[in-house]
Each structure stands twice: as C-alpha cells, then as structure tokens.
C-alpha cells in the first residue's frame, strides 16, 4: 500500500505541474511578448515535446535498472524544474523551464510499469485506475491552483507561488520514493540496456513488431490530439465566448478533474473486470464525442459544465484502460518500454494539439477544435479493433 500511495503522489505531482500552467500560461506568455502560436504551444506543447523524447528512455531504463531508481532521480529533477518555472522572468526562461520539466515527467511510464509489475491481469485495470485517479487529481488541483492565483486580472498572473508549492510536493514524493518504495522488478526479469546494441531505440521500437500494440498506441495518439486541442484552446475560447477569467477556467478544469478522479478511482476497474478493456474504451469514445459536441455548442455555464463532465469521464476512462490493455498485450519483459511508447504517443498528441489549436480556432471558427476532436475518435476506434486480449471480461 505504501508503494501505491507513493506512486499516486508521484503521478499526482506530475499532472499538477502540467495543470498549473493551463489557465494562466496564455496570459503570462502574452504579457512576456509571445506570438499567438506560442501562446497555445509554449505551455503544454513544449512540455509534451520534451516528454516525447524522455518517456521511452525512462521506460526502457526502468526495464534495465528497475523502476525505483528512475522514479527517484526524475522526482529530484522535478523539484528543480518547478523552482526554475517559479523564478522565470523572461519568455525564454519560461519555455526552458517547461522543457526541463517535460524531460523529468517521462517517469510516468515507470510508474505505470511498476503497477503492472505488482498486479495480476485480473486486477491490473483496477490498480492502474487508482494511479490514473492521480491524473485526475493533478488535473483538478493544478488548474484550480493556477486559476486561483491567476485571479480575475490577467496582468497580475504569476507562476511563483504555485510552482514553489509544486516543488515542495515533488520533494515529498522524492523522499517517499527513496524511503518507502521497494523495487518491483526483480533482477532476473530485467532486460539489459545494451541488449543487442539497441539500448537507445525509436520510441515505437517496443511495439513496432505488433500490429495490436501499434493499434493501441495509435488510438492513444489520436485521442491525445483531440484532448489537447480542447485543453489548450479552452482558456481563449472560454474568454471569447463566455467571458471566462483565469479563475473561471481553473474551476472548469477542477470540475473535469473531479469527474476524472471519480471515474478512474471508482468505476474503471469494475467496468473493465465486468466487460473487458475494449468495451470500456468504446464507451469512453462515445462519452468523448458527447462532451465535444456539448462543449462546442455551449452558450451558458450549465451546458459548459455538462459537456466538460462528459469529456472528462471519457478521457479519464480511456487513458487508464488503454494502459491496462497495452500491459496485457505487451511482452512481460518489455512492459516498461511498451508503456513508455504509449506515453510517448500521448505526449506526441500533446504536441500536435496545442500546435494546431490556435490555427484551427482562428482559421476555421470557434466550433472547429471541438469538431476536430470528435472526428479523430473515428480512426482511434478503428485502431482499437486490432486488439484482442481486452475483448473478454476478466
């Protein structure tokens, strides 16, 4: 239990740091002179770009040396990343801090691999759901904290206090991993880093041999694009359409995080056990679609809240269940690398989404980002049809 609580804290802090920046980055970056493209891409996009590069390396390294050392070192790095963010007073420093934090956040693949190590297939979705709930909590409290401190005056928005709080929490997680986390991967089950001279490989190397694994990873990539299209444009769309302030945006993300925590911590494991991972994923795609359409057409706060709840339920159940399905399909000796490939695909989607959201919003209209997210669900579901182990209930 101590191990799962420590992992919960690690993942929570990773998402807290990601979430803090969402409601106030457009305003802080704009004040520092960022152009429109960098306003949507500079926060989540550069963070995800760094995460794409680091996640497969952290995951592969965890297969070679164990999960615990990777988690300890990356959490120590997270402390430095938050301090850097809080002290950033120029646009270049702000971007550099996000890059460094993204490099450290690749530890999520090791955290998911740890859970896969210590759970049997029947309980894996439930265990991953518990850790996945940390995503929802981080996504819930991060934007809320950023929004509260951002307030109603964009000219006064600052990262200093939330970043320092996050640095303190990262320090707590570092200590927890150091003193309470036992290694989950026995030496006999590790795969040497230089195996065949292929220690540093393509992010997709661990899944490239299997159309089934590639299908899951491809679906995660497409869903991630759609999700971050919405998340990155939401502060701007909310201000333009509904007059939302940074604080309002923070509370909207709080609602989404609350729904996500409930779904991941209470429902996902039970649903996967009863129906199988694939059926849960199909259901999550439907919830995504309802959320996109409802939010895109929202004309008041009630409709916005309903759409956000549907979207959050779909997104939360999808990410956790896809991790469970991938761990069932992957070679047991490459679970860390396979989950790293999935997290890398998710991070790649978080590059494409923010990079394109501004252009889609300004060029195609205020409804276009939501419509694009819904359309991307179609090929995502087609990719998922390749998998087979998640068809039957456990």
Foldseek 3Di string as FASTA:
>chain_A
DLQLVLLLLLLLLLLLVLQQCQLQQLLLLVVQPDDLLCSLQLRLQLLLVLLLVQQLLLLLVCLAPFLLVLSLVLLLQLLVLLQQCLPDDHSVSNSVSSNSSSNSSSSNLSSLLLLLLPDDLLQSLLSLLQSLLSNLNSLQVNLLVNLVQCDQDSVRRGSNVVSNVSSVSSVVSSVSSVPPHDTRADNVLGDHLCVVDPNDDNLCVQPPVDLQLVLLLVLLLLLLLLVSLCSSCVSVLCCVQVNDGSNNNSNLSNLLSVLLSCCSNPPLSVCLQAFFLLVLLVVLLVLLLQLLVQCLPDRDDVSNSVSSNSNSNSVSNNVSSSLSLSSVVGDSSSNSSSSSSSSSSSSNSSNNNSSCSSVCPVPVHSSRSSVSSSVSSVSSSVSNVSGDPRRGRD
